[in-house]
Amino acid sequence: MNRIFHARIAWYQYFLLVVLTVNVVGALWCKYILPAVLLMLMLIVVIEQIIHTVYTVTTDGNLEISRGRFIRKKVIPISEITTIQKYRSMKFGSFSVTDYLLIEYGKDKFASVMPVKEREFVELIEKKMKSIALDKE
């Protein structure tokens, strides 16, 4: 059975939604229809990406990273994953701006993910990696 993990919404995604919404309202207020329509389209794409970002661990040994309908799905064979590490971007004292997991796979390839249930995600990937390694032997 495939296991689906939803993405955590980062603070900068909320910020982008607020900025785009304020700009759409401002453009409509000043009767700038074309910029308002373009900003609304951007807003729709961002909302769609935020809502539909999921990470799926399949039964056939793949990790599928789907970032919405408008962006191509990335498929990573779990057998190619070498490391999964937790990183923090830009630290100010003990406060970090964003926490994420960095997945290294293949030859110098990386993917960053932000699942809601990080520990379960890492445990499942490691469990799948071990079972794939045992199957190869």
Protein backbone atom coordinates (compact mmCIF):
# COMPACT_ATOMS: atom_id res chain seq x y z
CA MET A 1 0.00 0.00 0.00
CA ASN A 2 1.35 3.42 -0.91
CA ARG A 3 2.03 5.79 1.99
CA ILE A 4 1.30 9.48 1.38
CA PHE A 5 2.89 12.29 3.39
CA HIS A 6 1.55 15.82 3.08
CA ALA A 7 3.90 18.79 2.95
CA ARG A 8 4.28 21.26 5.76
CA ILE A 9 3.42 24.85 4.80
CA ALA A 10 6.38 27.14 5.41
CA TRP A 11 6.12 30.71 6.66
CA TYR A 12 7.34 32.15 3.36
CA GLN A 13 4.48 30.45 1.52
CA TYR A 14 1.98 32.23 3.79
CA PHE A 15 3.89 35.46 3.19
CA LEU A 16 3.73 34.98 -0.60
CA LEU A 17 -0.02 34.38 -0.39
CA VAL A 18 -0.51 37.60 1.58
CA VAL A 19 1.68 39.65 -0.79
CA LEU A 20 -0.07 38.33 -3.90
CA THR A 21 -3.52 38.87 -2.36
CA VAL A 22 -2.72 42.45 -1.37
CA ASN A 23 -1.40 43.15 -4.87
CA VAL A 24 -4.51 41.64 -6.50
CA VAL A 25 -6.79 43.76 -4.31
CA GLY A 26 -4.69 46.85 -5.02
CA ALA A 27 -4.74 46.23 -8.77
CA LEU A 28 -8.50 45.72 -8.76
CA TRP A 29 -8.99 48.80 -6.56
CA CYS A 30 -7.07 50.94 -9.06
CA LYS A 31 -8.83 49.22 -12.02
CA TYR A 32 -5.67 47.66 -13.48
CA ILE A 33 -7.39 44.60 -14.90
CA LEU A 34 -4.51 42.94 -16.77
CA PRO A 35 -2.06 43.00 -13.81
CA ALA A 36 -4.88 41.85 -11.52
CA VAL A 37 -5.66 38.88 -13.77
CA LEU A 38 -1.98 37.91 -14.03
CA LEU A 39 -1.55 38.16 -10.25
CA MET A 40 -4.72 36.08 -9.74
CA LEU A 41 -3.30 33.38 -12.01
CA MET A 42 -0.07 33.41 -9.98
CA LEU A 43 -2.14 33.19 -6.80
CA ILE A 44 -4.03 30.17 -8.15
CA VAL A 45 -0.79 28.40 -9.08
CA VAL A 46 0.74 29.07 -5.64
CA ILE A 47 -2.39 27.92 -3.77
CA GLU A 48 -2.57 24.79 -5.94
CA GLN A 49 1.08 24.03 -5.29
CA ILE A 50 0.69 24.49 -1.53
CA ILE A 51 -2.42 22.34 -1.29
CA HIS A 52 -1.32 19.49 -3.57
CA THR A 53 2.32 18.96 -2.57
CA VAL A 54 2.64 15.36 -1.39
CA TYR A 55 5.40 12.81 -0.95
CA THR A 56 4.40 9.23 -1.78
CA VAL A 57 6.39 6.14 -0.82
CA THR A 58 5.20 3.44 -3.21
CA THR A 59 5.12 -0.30 -2.71
CA ASP A 60 7.41 -0.82 -5.70
CA GLY A 61 10.25 1.05 -3.97
CA ASN A 62 9.97 4.62 -5.25
CA LEU A 63 9.63 8.01 -3.63
CA GLU A 64 7.37 10.28 -5.68
CA ILE A 65 7.58 14.00 -5.00
CA SER A 66 4.52 15.74 -6.42
CA ARG A 67 4.43 19.53 -6.14
CA GLY A 68 0.99 20.08 -7.64
CA ARG A 69 -0.68 19.63 -11.00
CA PHE A 70 1.36 22.24 -12.87
CA ILE A 71 4.81 20.82 -12.00
CA ARG A 72 6.14 17.46 -13.16
CA LYS A 73 6.32 14.68 -10.58
CA LYS A 74 9.83 13.63 -9.51
CA VAL A 75 10.33 9.89 -9.01
CA ILE A 76 13.32 8.76 -6.96
CA PRO A 77 14.09 5.04 -6.60
CA ILE A 78 14.60 4.36 -2.89
CA SER A 79 17.51 2.08 -3.78
CA GLU A 80 19.41 5.15 -5.07
CA ILE A 81 18.96 7.19 -1.87
CA THR A 82 22.26 7.50 -0.02
CA THR A 83 21.43 9.88 2.84
CA ILE A 84 18.55 11.75 4.43
CA GLN A 85 19.60 14.62 6.66
CA LYS A 86 17.69 17.29 8.52
CA TYR A 87 18.86 20.82 7.76
CA ARG A 88 18.01 24.28 8.97
CA SER A 89 18.29 27.28 6.71
CA MET A 90 19.61 30.60 8.01
CA LYS A 91 19.90 30.44 11.78
CA PHE A 92 19.54 33.49 14.01
CA GLY A 93 20.77 32.31 17.38
CA SER A 94 18.67 29.26 18.23
CA PHE A 95 15.91 30.27 15.79
CA SER A 96 16.04 28.83 12.28
CA VAL A 97 14.06 30.17 9.37
CA THR A 98 13.06 26.83 7.81
CA ASP A 99 13.59 23.17 8.71
CA TYR A 100 13.68 20.65 5.89
CA LEU A 101 14.96 17.20 4.96
CA LEU A 102 17.62 16.93 2.28
CA ILE A 103 17.62 13.67 0.34
CA GLU A 104 20.79 12.77 -1.52
CA TYR A 105 20.41 10.21 -4.27
CA GLY A 106 22.17 9.06 -7.41
CA LYS A 107 25.36 10.88 -8.29
CA ASP A 108 25.30 14.35 -6.70
CA LYS A 109 21.51 14.74 -6.94
CA PHE A 110 19.48 16.31 -4.16
CA ALA A 111 15.81 16.82 -3.29
CA SER A 112 14.46 18.80 -0.36
CA VAL A 113 11.20 17.82 1.31
CA MET A 114 9.19 19.19 4.23
CA PRO A 115 6.74 16.47 5.34
CA VAL A 116 4.40 17.16 8.24
CA LYS A 117 5.39 13.89 9.96
CA GLU A 118 9.17 14.02 9.45
CA ARG A 119 10.09 11.20 11.81
CA GLU A 120 7.59 8.75 10.28
CA PHE A 121 8.77 9.73 6.80
CA VAL A 122 12.44 9.10 7.60
CA GLU A 123 11.68 5.83 9.43
CA LEU A 124 9.65 4.52 6.50
CA ILE A 125 12.31 5.45 3.93
CA GLU A 126 15.05 3.81 6.04
CA LYS A 127 12.90 0.71 6.52
CA LYS A 128 12.34 0.47 2.75
CA MET A 129 16.08 1.01 2.13
CA LYS A 130 16.93 -1.88 4.47
CA SER A 131 14.35 -4.21 2.91
CA ILE A 132 15.62 -3.39 -0.60
CA ALA A 133 19.21 -4.04 0.54
CA LEU A 134 18.17 -7.41 2.01
CA ASP A 135 16.33 -8.34 -1.20
CA LYS A 136 19.48 -7.68 -3.25
CA GLU A 137 21.52 -10.11 -1.12
